[in-house]
Amino acid sequence: MSGKEGAGRYETTLCYLYGPKGVLMLHRTKKENDINKDKYIGVGGHLEHGESPEDCIKREVWEETGLVMDSFRLRGILTFVIDDIDEITFLYTCDAFSGDLKTCDEGELIWIPEDRIDTLPIWPGDKLFFRLLSERQDVFSLKLHYVKDELVDAALDGKKIDFVV
């Protein structure tokens, strides 16, 4: 989740870059009043006026990491419902990139081995979509309803699912 303050509906992007050292994660430690404070998330952000989701994710990855995505694809559409915020997020993965990793002003960028992601402080719903990323090749739709930090309801491709995180 992006962490933008206030009620409303937002469109955002999120990307996980896969490299030889694992998955690039952002440990969010630097922003005050951040809904993602101390959690590990992917990189991304809010769509700006006139941007497509692809324009946005390329810009956000470049701004936050210094890397240029050479090969990426849409993997899912996530709907986050938390308190008075509805957020539609376009989820991407990237398997080829170039450039040099830079310091991020939102937290620390860390390469995490895939088998360690579940051990990190991440949102419960992130565990669900990481499972889907490993199990499915098609684009999925995942709705995640939170009350504060607790995942209370989830739906996959429009059907309510039971979940264990």
Protein backbone atom coordinates (compact mmCIF):
# COMPACT_ATOMS: atom_id res chain seq x y z
CA MET A 1 0.00 0.00 0.00
CA SER A 2 1.28 3.41 -0.87
CA GLY A 3 0.60 5.15 2.41
CA LYS A 4 -1.00 8.32 1.04
CA GLU A 5 -2.87 10.16 3.76
CA GLY A 6 -6.59 10.84 3.76
CA ALA A 7 -9.76 9.23 2.54
CA GLY A 8 -10.30 8.46 -1.09
CA ARG A 9 -9.61 6.19 -4.00
CA TYR A 10 -6.13 5.94 -5.43
CA GLU A 11 -4.45 4.27 -8.38
CA THR A 12 -0.92 3.04 -7.78
CA THR A 13 1.73 0.71 -9.14
CA LEU A 14 3.92 -1.82 -7.37
CA CYS A 15 6.86 -3.79 -8.75
CA TYR A 16 9.12 -6.56 -7.53
CA LEU A 17 12.43 -6.87 -9.36
CA TYR A 18 13.87 -10.38 -9.50
CA GLY A 19 17.65 -10.69 -9.74
CA PRO A 20 20.47 -13.11 -8.93
CA LYS A 21 20.44 -12.08 -5.25
CA GLY A 22 16.67 -12.47 -4.84
CA VAL A 23 13.80 -9.99 -4.90
CA LEU A 24 14.40 -6.26 -4.45
CA MET A 25 12.41 -5.03 -1.45
CA LEU A 26 12.09 -1.60 0.11
CA HIS A 27 12.29 -1.57 3.91
CA ARG A 28 10.16 1.52 4.66
CA THR A 29 11.91 3.33 7.49
CA LYS A 30 12.30 6.99 6.50
CA LYS A 31 8.82 8.53 6.12
CA GLU A 32 6.80 9.84 9.05
CA ASN A 33 3.13 8.79 9.35
CA ASP A 34 3.75 5.98 6.85
CA ILE A 35 1.14 3.19 6.72
CA ASN A 36 4.03 0.94 5.60
CA LYS A 37 6.42 2.02 8.39
CA ASP A 38 8.97 -0.74 9.14
CA LYS A 39 7.40 -3.11 6.58
CA TYR A 40 9.08 -4.55 3.49
CA ILE A 41 7.29 -3.74 0.24
CA GLY A 42 8.05 -3.44 -3.46
CA VAL A 43 8.77 -0.18 -5.24
CA GLY A 44 6.13 1.94 -6.94
CA GLY A 45 3.77 4.80 -6.34
CA HIS A 46 0.84 6.90 -7.49
CA LEU A 47 -0.12 7.42 -11.10
CA GLU A 48 0.28 11.03 -12.18
CA HIS A 49 -2.04 12.84 -14.58
CA GLY A 50 -1.76 11.40 -18.09
CA GLU A 51 0.30 8.35 -17.05
CA SER A 52 -0.54 4.78 -17.90
CA PRO A 53 0.31 2.19 -15.24
CA GLU A 54 3.34 1.21 -17.37
CA ASP A 55 4.54 4.83 -17.56
CA CYS A 56 4.12 5.12 -13.82
CA ILE A 57 5.98 1.95 -12.84
CA LYS A 58 8.92 2.74 -15.13
CA ARG A 59 9.16 6.24 -13.60
CA GLU A 60 8.75 5.04 -10.02
CA VAL A 61 11.32 2.25 -10.32
CA TRP A 62 13.80 4.70 -11.84
CA GLU A 63 13.14 7.38 -9.18
CA GLU A 64 13.31 4.98 -6.22
CA THR A 65 16.07 2.62 -7.35
CA GLY A 66 18.06 4.19 -10.20
CA LEU A 67 17.34 1.09 -12.29
CA VAL A 68 15.78 0.94 -15.76
CA MET A 69 13.42 -1.96 -16.32
CA ASP A 70 14.32 -3.76 -19.55
CA SER A 71 11.71 -6.55 -19.23
CA PHE A 72 8.61 -6.37 -17.03
CA ARG A 73 5.00 -7.46 -17.10
CA LEU A 74 1.68 -6.95 -15.38
CA ARG A 75 1.00 -9.83 -13.00
CA GLY A 76 -2.01 -8.72 -11.01
CA ILE A 77 -4.51 -6.06 -10.07
CA LEU A 78 -4.75 -5.58 -6.33
CA THR A 79 -7.60 -3.83 -4.56
CA PHE A 80 -6.71 -2.70 -1.06
CA VAL A 81 -9.53 -1.60 1.24
CA ILE A 82 -8.26 -0.19 4.50
CA ASP A 83 -10.13 2.21 6.75
CA ASP A 84 -11.46 4.96 4.45
CA ILE A 85 -9.00 4.29 1.62
CA ASP A 86 -9.61 2.25 -1.52
CA GLU A 87 -6.48 1.65 -3.56
CA ILE A 88 -6.26 -0.06 -6.94
CA THR A 89 -2.70 -1.26 -7.53
CA PHE A 90 -1.20 -2.60 -10.74
CA LEU A 91 1.28 -5.31 -9.70
CA TYR A 92 4.32 -5.90 -11.90
CA THR A 93 7.36 -8.12 -11.86
CA CYS A 94 10.61 -7.34 -13.60
CA ASP A 95 13.22 -9.91 -14.60
CA ALA A 96 15.71 -7.75 -16.53
CA PHE A 97 17.01 -4.31 -15.62
CA SER A 98 20.08 -2.14 -16.02
CA GLY A 99 21.79 0.64 -14.11
CA ASP A 100 23.20 1.04 -10.65
CA LEU A 101 21.15 0.77 -7.49
CA LYS A 102 20.97 4.11 -5.68
CA THR A 103 19.98 5.17 -2.18
CA CYS A 104 16.22 5.53 -1.77
CA ASP A 105 14.75 8.40 0.27
CA GLU A 106 11.84 6.18 1.45
CA GLY A 107 13.90 3.43 3.08
CA GLU A 108 16.56 0.84 2.46
CA LEU A 109 16.60 -1.20 -0.75
CA ILE A 110 17.58 -4.81 0.02
CA TRP A 111 17.85 -7.95 -2.11
CA ILE A 112 15.92 -10.66 -0.25
CA PRO A 113 16.16 -14.37 -1.12
CA GLU A 114 12.70 -15.54 -2.23
CA ASP A 115 12.48 -18.17 0.50
CA ARG A 116 12.95 -15.49 3.20
CA ILE A 117 10.19 -13.09 2.13
CA ASP A 118 7.54 -14.75 4.35
CA THR A 119 9.77 -14.21 7.40
CA LEU A 120 9.85 -10.42 6.98
CA PRO A 121 7.42 -7.90 8.43
CA ILE A 122 5.12 -7.64 5.39
CA TRP A 123 1.38 -7.13 5.03
CA PRO A 124 -0.58 -10.41 5.41
CA GLY A 125 -2.07 -9.97 1.94
CA ASP A 126 1.42 -9.68 0.45
CA LYS A 127 1.98 -13.30 1.44
CA LEU A 128 -1.10 -14.20 -0.61
CA PHE A 129 0.01 -12.37 -3.74
CA PHE A 130 3.58 -13.70 -3.49
CA ARG A 131 2.06 -17.20 -3.50
CA LEU A 132 0.03 -16.28 -6.58
CA LEU A 133 3.12 -14.86 -8.29
CA SER A 134 4.89 -18.19 -7.82
CA GLU A 135 1.89 -20.38 -8.74
CA ARG A 136 0.26 -18.52 -11.63
CA GLN A 137 1.42 -17.08 -14.91
CA ASP A 138 -1.83 -15.29 -15.81
CA VAL A 139 -2.94 -11.90 -14.54
CA PHE A 140 -5.02 -12.21 -11.37
CA SER A 141 -7.26 -9.88 -9.43
CA LEU A 142 -6.91 -9.93 -5.64
CA LYS A 143 -9.03 -7.87 -3.25
CA LEU A 144 -7.66 -7.45 0.27
CA HIS A 145 -9.77 -5.89 3.03
CA TYR A 146 -7.96 -4.73 6.15
CA VAL A 147 -9.07 -3.37 9.48
CA LYS A 148 -5.97 -1.57 10.71
CA ASP A 149 -3.15 -4.10 10.09
CA GLU A 150 -5.41 -7.18 10.13
CA LEU A 151 -6.51 -8.85 6.92
CA VAL A 152 -10.21 -9.62 7.44
CA ASP A 153 -11.41 -10.61 3.97
CA ALA A 154 -9.95 -11.58 0.60
CA ALA A 155 -11.28 -12.35 -2.86
CA LEU A 156 -9.44 -13.85 -5.82
CA ASP A 157 -10.76 -13.18 -9.31
CA GLY A 158 -14.07 -12.02 -7.82
CA LYS A 159 -14.60 -15.01 -5.52
CA LYS A 160 -14.22 -14.87 -1.76
CA ILE A 161 -11.37 -17.06 -0.56
CA ASP A 162 -10.37 -18.57 2.74
CA PHE A 163 -6.84 -17.57 3.55
CA VAL A 164 -4.13 -18.54 5.94
CA VAL A 165 -1.19 -16.19 6.20
